Amino acid sequence: MPSESLVHGLDIARGAGLPWAIGPDEARLVLGQSMPTMVAPALDTARARGVSIAFDLRIKGGPRPAVVVDDGTMTVTRDAPPRAYDCTITAAPATFLLVSFRRTPIWKAIERGGMRPGGRRPWLATRLGELVAAP
């Protein structure tokens, strides 16, 4: 998987004290290919029981997946269909990739301007990471 090379390459570089950049094009490619197939099976069904949240993910210059959690199930759609979303997350591609793989805390990504929660219930942005098991 390209995501493994990008993220674990970063881990190795950090450990060795070397620079490692994940470019936006590479991150967009990984997010566009892996999110629709890898995220839903990683749902923590126990935590998702009784939860109903719809996320609109706007990856800058890239895919716009929709993630819908409904009582222990999750669907991920590559292009967000029109509907009422609870939370919109706008993010730089590499930032979202690193938050998704738990290499950058979401609060740090928001503080640095790499991610911005919005929509009717922006505080739910942190729930997405809590509902998905660590990759």
N, C-alpha and C. Protein backbone atom coordinates (compact mmCIF):
# COMPACT_ATOMS: atom_id res chain seq x y z
N MET A 1 0.84 -1.18 0.00
CA MET A 1 0.00 0.00 0.00
C MET A 1 0.88 1.24 0.00
N PRO A 2 0.53 2.22 -0.79
CA PRO A 2 1.29 3.48 -0.76
C PRO A 2 1.22 4.16 0.60
N SER A 3 0.11 3.99 1.32
CA SER A 3 -0.01 4.64 2.63
C SER A 3 1.04 4.10 3.59
N GLU A 4 1.33 2.82 3.51
CA GLU A 4 2.33 2.22 4.39
C GLU A 4 3.71 2.82 4.12
N SER A 5 4.06 3.00 2.86
CA SER A 5 5.36 3.58 2.50
C SER A 5 5.47 5.02 2.99
N LEU A 6 4.41 5.79 2.78
CA LEU A 6 4.45 7.20 3.20
C LEU A 6 4.53 7.34 4.72
N VAL A 7 3.64 6.66 5.41
CA VAL A 7 3.55 6.84 6.86
C VAL A 7 4.70 6.16 7.58
N HIS A 8 5.04 4.94 7.20
CA HIS A 8 6.14 4.27 7.89
C HIS A 8 7.49 4.86 7.48
N GLY A 9 7.57 5.40 6.29
CA GLY A 9 8.77 6.15 5.91
C GLY A 9 8.96 7.35 6.83
N LEU A 10 7.86 8.02 7.15
CA LEU A 10 7.91 9.13 8.10
C LEU A 10 8.36 8.65 9.48
N ASP A 11 7.84 7.52 9.93
CA ASP A 11 8.23 6.97 11.23
C ASP A 11 9.73 6.70 11.29
N ILE A 12 10.26 6.09 10.24
CA ILE A 12 11.68 5.78 10.19
C ILE A 12 12.51 7.06 10.16
N ALA A 13 12.09 8.02 9.35
CA ALA A 13 12.82 9.29 9.25
C ALA A 13 12.81 10.03 10.59
N ARG A 14 11.67 10.05 11.26
CA ARG A 14 11.60 10.71 12.58
C ARG A 14 12.54 10.03 13.56
N GLY A 15 12.55 8.71 13.55
CA GLY A 15 13.42 7.95 14.45
C GLY A 15 14.89 8.22 14.17
N ALA A 16 15.23 8.44 12.91
CA ALA A 16 16.62 8.68 12.52
C ALA A 16 16.97 10.16 12.54
N GLY A 17 15.98 11.01 12.84
CA GLY A 17 16.23 12.44 12.86
C GLY A 17 16.44 13.04 11.48
N LEU A 18 15.81 12.43 10.48
CA LEU A 18 15.94 12.88 9.09
C LEU A 18 14.66 13.54 8.62
N PRO A 19 14.77 14.42 7.66
CA PRO A 19 13.54 15.04 7.12
C PRO A 19 12.76 14.04 6.27
N TRP A 20 11.47 14.19 6.25
CA TRP A 20 10.60 13.35 5.42
C TRP A 20 9.35 14.15 5.13
N ALA A 21 9.08 14.39 3.90
CA ALA A 21 7.90 15.16 3.52
C ALA A 21 6.90 14.25 2.81
N ILE A 22 5.65 14.42 3.16
CA ILE A 22 4.58 13.75 2.44
C ILE A 22 3.90 14.83 1.62
N GLY A 23 4.03 14.72 0.32
CA GLY A 23 3.47 15.73 -0.57
C GLY A 23 1.96 15.63 -0.67
N PRO A 24 1.31 16.73 -1.01
CA PRO A 24 -0.16 16.72 -1.11
C PRO A 24 -0.67 15.77 -2.19
N ASP A 25 0.05 15.64 -3.30
CA ASP A 25 -0.42 14.74 -4.36
C ASP A 25 -0.40 13.29 -3.90
N GLU A 26 0.67 12.90 -3.21
CA GLU A 26 0.77 11.53 -2.71
C GLU A 26 -0.31 11.26 -1.66
N ALA A 27 -0.52 12.23 -0.77
CA ALA A 27 -1.54 12.06 0.27
C ALA A 27 -2.94 11.97 -0.35
N ARG A 28 -3.22 12.80 -1.35
CA ARG A 28 -4.54 12.74 -2.02
C ARG A 28 -4.76 11.37 -2.64
N LEU A 29 -3.72 10.84 -3.28
CA LEU A 29 -3.82 9.53 -3.92
C LEU A 29 -4.16 8.46 -2.89
N VAL A 30 -3.45 8.46 -1.78
CA VAL A 30 -3.69 7.47 -0.73
C VAL A 30 -5.10 7.64 -0.16
N LEU A 31 -5.48 8.86 0.14
CA LEU A 31 -6.81 9.09 0.73
C LEU A 31 -7.92 8.69 -0.24
N GLY A 32 -7.74 9.00 -1.51
CA GLY A 32 -8.76 8.65 -2.50
C GLY A 32 -8.90 7.17 -2.71
N GLN A 33 -7.79 6.43 -2.59
CA GLN A 33 -7.83 4.99 -2.80
C GLN A 33 -8.17 4.21 -1.54
N SER A 34 -7.61 4.62 -0.42
CA SER A 34 -7.75 3.80 0.79
C SER A 34 -8.98 4.10 1.63
N MET A 35 -9.39 5.36 1.71
CA MET A 35 -10.52 5.69 2.59
C MET A 35 -11.78 4.89 2.29
N PRO A 36 -12.21 4.83 1.04
CA PRO A 36 -13.47 4.11 0.78
C PRO A 36 -13.41 2.63 1.12
N THR A 37 -12.23 2.02 1.10
CA THR A 37 -12.14 0.58 1.35
C THR A 37 -11.62 0.20 2.72
N MET A 38 -10.78 1.04 3.33
CA MET A 38 -10.12 0.64 4.57
C MET A 38 -10.75 1.19 5.85
N VAL A 39 -11.47 2.29 5.77
CA VAL A 39 -11.96 2.92 7.00
C VAL A 39 -13.16 2.18 7.59
N ALA A 40 -14.15 1.86 6.80
CA ALA A 40 -15.36 1.21 7.33
C ALA A 40 -15.05 -0.11 8.06
N PRO A 41 -14.21 -0.98 7.52
CA PRO A 41 -13.91 -2.21 8.26
C PRO A 41 -13.17 -1.98 9.58
N ALA A 42 -12.56 -0.80 9.75
CA ALA A 42 -11.82 -0.50 10.98
C ALA A 42 -12.72 0.12 12.06
N LEU A 43 -14.01 0.23 11.80
CA LEU A 43 -14.94 0.81 12.76
C LEU A 43 -14.94 -0.01 14.05
N ASP A 44 -14.87 0.68 15.17
CA ASP A 44 -15.02 0.05 16.48
C ASP A 44 -16.53 -0.04 16.73
N THR A 45 -17.10 -1.19 16.42
CA THR A 45 -18.55 -1.32 16.44
C THR A 45 -19.14 -1.13 17.84
N ALA A 46 -18.39 -1.49 18.87
CA ALA A 46 -18.89 -1.29 20.24
C ALA A 46 -19.03 0.20 20.54
N ARG A 47 -18.02 0.98 20.16
CA ARG A 47 -18.09 2.43 20.38
C ARG A 47 -19.13 3.10 19.50
N ALA A 48 -19.39 2.51 18.34
CA ALA A 48 -20.30 3.13 17.38
C ALA A 48 -21.77 2.76 17.62
N ARG A 49 -22.01 1.84 18.55
CA ARG A 49 -23.39 1.46 18.85
C ARG A 49 -24.15 2.67 19.38
N GLY A 50 -25.30 2.96 18.80
CA GLY A 50 -26.12 4.08 19.24
C GLY A 50 -25.67 5.44 18.71
N VAL A 51 -24.60 5.46 17.92
CA VAL A 51 -24.07 6.71 17.37
C VAL A 51 -24.64 6.94 15.98
N SER A 52 -25.03 8.18 15.71
CA SER A 52 -25.50 8.56 14.38
C SER A 52 -24.88 9.91 14.02
N ILE A 53 -23.85 9.86 13.17
CA ILE A 53 -23.13 11.07 12.75
C ILE A 53 -22.80 10.96 11.27
N ALA A 54 -22.96 12.06 10.54
CA ALA A 54 -22.58 12.12 9.13
C ALA A 54 -21.49 13.17 8.97
N PHE A 55 -20.34 12.75 8.42
CA PHE A 55 -19.20 13.63 8.20
C PHE A 55 -19.02 13.90 6.71
N ASP A 56 -18.77 15.15 6.38
CA ASP A 56 -18.40 15.57 5.03
C ASP A 56 -16.93 15.94 5.11
N LEU A 57 -16.07 15.14 4.46
CA LEU A 57 -14.63 15.39 4.51
C LEU A 57 -14.20 16.08 3.22
N ARG A 58 -13.68 17.27 3.37
CA ARG A 58 -13.24 18.05 2.21
C ARG A 58 -11.72 18.12 2.22
N ILE A 59 -11.12 17.26 1.43
CA ILE A 59 -9.66 17.21 1.31
C ILE A 59 -9.27 18.21 0.23
N LYS A 60 -8.48 19.20 0.61
CA LYS A 60 -8.14 20.28 -0.32
C LYS A 60 -7.51 19.73 -1.61
N GLY A 61 -8.16 20.06 -2.73
CA GLY A 61 -7.67 19.64 -4.04
C GLY A 61 -7.85 18.16 -4.32
N GLY A 62 -8.57 17.47 -3.48
CA GLY A 62 -8.65 16.02 -3.65
C GLY A 62 -10.04 15.48 -3.48
N PRO A 63 -10.11 14.24 -3.01
CA PRO A 63 -11.41 13.59 -2.87
C PRO A 63 -12.26 14.26 -1.79
N ARG A 64 -13.54 14.01 -1.87
CA ARG A 64 -14.47 14.54 -0.87
C ARG A 64 -15.33 13.39 -0.36
N PRO A 65 -14.74 12.57 0.50
CA PRO A 65 -15.51 11.43 1.01
C PRO A 65 -16.57 11.84 2.02
N ALA A 66 -17.60 11.04 2.08
CA ALA A 66 -18.62 11.17 3.11
C ALA A 66 -18.51 9.93 4.00
N VAL A 67 -18.52 10.15 5.30
CA VAL A 67 -18.46 9.05 6.26
C VAL A 67 -19.72 9.14 7.11
N VAL A 68 -20.51 8.07 7.08
CA VAL A 68 -21.76 8.05 7.84
C VAL A 68 -21.70 6.88 8.81
N VAL A 69 -21.84 7.21 10.08
CA VAL A 69 -21.88 6.21 11.15
C VAL A 69 -23.32 6.15 11.62
N ASP A 70 -23.87 4.93 11.64
CA ASP A 70 -25.26 4.78 12.05
C ASP A 70 -25.42 3.49 12.85
N ASP A 71 -25.48 3.64 14.16
CA ASP A 71 -25.74 2.55 15.09
C ASP A 71 -24.87 1.32 14.84
N GLY A 72 -23.57 1.50 14.89
CA GLY A 72 -22.64 0.38 14.79
C GLY A 72 -22.20 0.02 13.39
N THR A 73 -22.64 0.78 12.40
CA THR A 73 -22.19 0.54 11.03
C THR A 73 -21.61 1.83 10.46
N MET A 74 -20.79 1.67 9.44
CA MET A 74 -20.20 2.84 8.79
C MET A 74 -20.19 2.62 7.28
N THR A 75 -20.54 3.68 6.56
CA THR A 75 -20.38 3.66 5.10
C THR A 75 -19.49 4.84 4.73
N VAL A 76 -18.63 4.60 3.77
CA VAL A 76 -17.75 5.64 3.25
C VAL A 76 -18.00 5.72 1.76
N THR A 77 -18.34 6.91 1.30
CA THR A 77 -18.62 7.16 -0.11
C THR A 77 -17.55 8.10 -0.64
N ARG A 78 -17.00 7.79 -1.79
CA ARG A 78 -15.89 8.58 -2.33
C ARG A 78 -16.26 10.04 -2.54
N ASP A 79 -17.37 10.34 -3.14
CA ASP A 79 -17.79 11.73 -3.36
C ASP A 79 -19.04 11.99 -2.54
N ALA A 80 -18.94 12.96 -1.65
CA ALA A 80 -20.04 13.24 -0.72
C ALA A 80 -21.33 13.57 -1.45
N PRO A 81 -22.36 12.76 -1.26
CA PRO A 81 -23.65 13.06 -1.88
C PRO A 81 -24.34 14.19 -1.12
N PRO A 82 -25.25 14.89 -1.76
CA PRO A 82 -25.98 15.95 -1.05
C PRO A 82 -26.82 15.36 0.08
N ARG A 83 -26.69 15.94 1.25
CA ARG A 83 -27.47 15.57 2.42
C ARG A 83 -27.11 16.52 3.55
N ALA A 84 -27.77 16.41 4.65
CA ALA A 84 -27.44 17.23 5.83
C ALA A 84 -26.34 16.52 6.60
N TYR A 85 -25.18 17.14 6.66
CA TYR A 85 -24.05 16.58 7.41
C TYR A 85 -23.98 17.23 8.78
N ASP A 86 -23.60 16.44 9.76
CA ASP A 86 -23.44 16.97 11.11
C ASP A 86 -22.15 17.76 11.23
N CYS A 87 -21.09 17.27 10.62
CA CYS A 87 -19.77 17.87 10.77
C CYS A 87 -19.04 17.86 9.44
N THR A 88 -18.47 18.98 9.10
CA THR A 88 -17.63 19.10 7.91
C THR A 88 -16.20 19.28 8.38
N ILE A 89 -15.30 18.49 7.81
CA ILE A 89 -13.88 18.63 8.14
C ILE A 89 -13.16 19.00 6.86
N THR A 90 -12.56 20.18 6.85
CA THR A 90 -11.77 20.64 5.72
C THR A 90 -10.31 20.46 6.11
N ALA A 91 -9.53 19.81 5.25
CA ALA A 91 -8.15 19.50 5.65
C ALA A 91 -7.19 19.48 4.48
N ALA A 92 -5.95 19.84 4.77
CA ALA A 92 -4.85 19.65 3.83
C ALA A 92 -4.63 18.13 3.73
N PRO A 93 -4.33 17.62 2.55
CA PRO A 93 -4.24 16.17 2.37
C PRO A 93 -3.25 15.48 3.30
N ALA A 94 -2.02 15.98 3.38
CA ALA A 94 -1.01 15.32 4.23
C ALA A 94 -1.40 15.41 5.70
N THR A 95 -1.98 16.52 6.09
CA THR A 95 -2.41 16.68 7.48
C THR A 95 -3.48 15.65 7.83
N PHE A 96 -4.48 15.49 6.97
CA PHE A 96 -5.54 14.52 7.25
C PHE A 96 -4.98 13.10 7.30
N LEU A 97 -4.05 12.79 6.41
CA LEU A 97 -3.43 11.47 6.40
C LEU A 97 -2.72 11.21 7.72
N LEU A 98 -1.95 12.19 8.21
CA LEU A 98 -1.20 12.01 9.45
C LEU A 98 -2.11 11.95 10.68
N VAL A 99 -3.21 12.70 10.66
CA VAL A 99 -4.17 12.60 11.76
C VAL A 99 -4.86 11.23 11.70
N SER A 100 -5.21 10.78 10.51
CA SER A 100 -5.88 9.49 10.36
C SER A 100 -5.02 8.33 10.86
N PHE A 101 -3.72 8.42 10.64
CA PHE A 101 -2.80 7.37 11.08
C PHE A 101 -2.25 7.64 12.48
N ARG A 102 -2.82 8.61 13.16
CA ARG A 102 -2.46 8.97 14.53
C ARG A 102 -0.99 9.35 14.69
N ARG A 103 -0.46 10.02 13.67
CA ARG A 103 0.91 10.52 13.76
C ARG A 103 0.93 11.99 14.18
N THR A 104 -0.22 12.66 14.04
CA THR A 104 -0.39 14.05 14.47
C THR A 104 -1.72 14.13 15.22
N PRO A 105 -1.73 14.70 16.42
CA PRO A 105 -3.00 14.85 17.14
C PRO A 105 -3.92 15.85 16.42
N ILE A 106 -5.21 15.59 16.44
CA ILE A 106 -6.15 16.45 15.73
C ILE A 106 -6.09 17.89 16.26
N TRP A 107 -5.91 18.07 17.56
CA TRP A 107 -5.86 19.43 18.12
C TRP A 107 -4.68 20.21 17.55
N LYS A 108 -3.57 19.51 17.31
CA LYS A 108 -2.38 20.18 16.76
C LYS A 108 -2.62 20.54 15.29
N ALA A 109 -3.29 19.65 14.56
CA ALA A 109 -3.60 19.93 13.15
C ALA A 109 -4.53 21.13 13.04
N ILE A 110 -5.50 21.24 13.95
CA ILE A 110 -6.42 22.38 13.94
C ILE A 110 -5.69 23.65 14.34
N GLU A 111 -4.88 23.55 15.37
CA GLU A 111 -4.12 24.71 15.85
C GLU A 111 -3.19 25.27 14.77
N ARG A 112 -2.59 24.39 13.98
CA ARG A 112 -1.66 24.81 12.93
C ARG A 112 -2.36 25.21 11.62
N GLY A 113 -3.66 25.07 11.58
CA GLY A 113 -4.42 25.47 10.39
C GLY A 113 -4.50 24.41 9.31
N GLY A 114 -4.07 23.20 9.57
CA GLY A 114 -4.13 22.13 8.58
C GLY A 114 -5.48 21.45 8.50
N MET A 115 -6.30 21.63 9.53
CA MET A 115 -7.66 21.08 9.56
C MET A 115 -8.58 22.11 10.17
N ARG A 116 -9.81 22.11 9.66
CA ARG A 116 -10.80 23.04 10.20
C ARG A 116 -12.15 22.33 10.29
N PRO A 117 -12.68 22.16 11.51
CA PRO A 117 -14.01 21.57 11.63
C PRO A 117 -15.08 22.63 11.40
N GLY A 118 -16.20 22.22 10.88
CA GLY A 118 -17.30 23.15 10.65
C GLY A 118 -18.61 22.39 10.58
N GLY A 119 -19.62 23.05 10.05
CA GLY A 119 -20.94 22.44 9.94
C GLY A 119 -21.79 22.70 11.16
N ARG A 120 -22.90 21.97 11.25
CA ARG A 120 -23.87 22.18 12.33
C ARG A 120 -23.32 21.78 13.70
N ARG A 121 -22.42 20.80 13.72
CA ARG A 121 -21.89 20.28 14.99
C ARG A 121 -20.38 20.05 14.86
N PRO A 122 -19.61 21.14 14.75
CA PRO A 122 -18.17 21.00 14.49
C PRO A 122 -17.41 20.26 15.59
N TRP A 123 -17.90 20.26 16.81
CA TRP A 123 -17.22 19.59 17.91
C TRP A 123 -17.16 18.07 17.72
N LEU A 124 -17.94 17.54 16.78
CA LEU A 124 -17.93 16.10 16.53
C LEU A 124 -16.72 15.65 15.71
N ALA A 125 -15.90 16.58 15.23
CA ALA A 125 -14.73 16.23 14.41
C ALA A 125 -13.84 15.20 15.11
N THR A 126 -13.67 15.33 16.40
CA THR A 126 -12.80 14.41 17.13
C THR A 126 -13.40 13.01 17.24
N ARG A 127 -14.71 12.89 17.11
CA ARG A 127 -15.36 11.58 17.24
C ARG A 127 -14.96 10.62 16.13
N LEU A 128 -14.68 11.13 14.95
CA LEU A 128 -14.33 10.23 13.83
C LEU A 128 -13.13 9.37 14.21
N GLY A 129 -12.09 9.98 14.73
CA GLY A 129 -10.90 9.24 15.15
C GLY A 129 -11.17 8.28 16.30
N GLU A 130 -12.11 8.62 17.17
CA GLU A 130 -12.45 7.76 18.30
C GLU A 130 -13.23 6.52 17.87
N LEU A 131 -13.93 6.63 16.75
CA LEU A 131 -14.77 5.53 16.28
C LEU A 131 -14.03 4.54 15.40
N VAL A 132 -12.87 4.93 14.91
CA VAL A 132 -12.09 4.08 14.02
C VAL A 132 -10.89 3.54 14.79
N ALA A 133 -10.70 2.22 14.73
CA ALA A 133 -9.54 1.61 15.40
C ALA A 133 -8.26 2.10 14.73
N ALA A 134 -7.19 2.14 15.49
CA ALA A 134 -5.91 2.59 14.94
C ALA A 134 -5.48 1.70 13.79
N PRO A 135 -5.04 2.32 12.69
CA PRO A 135 -4.60 1.49 11.55
C PRO A 135 -3.28 0.79 11.84
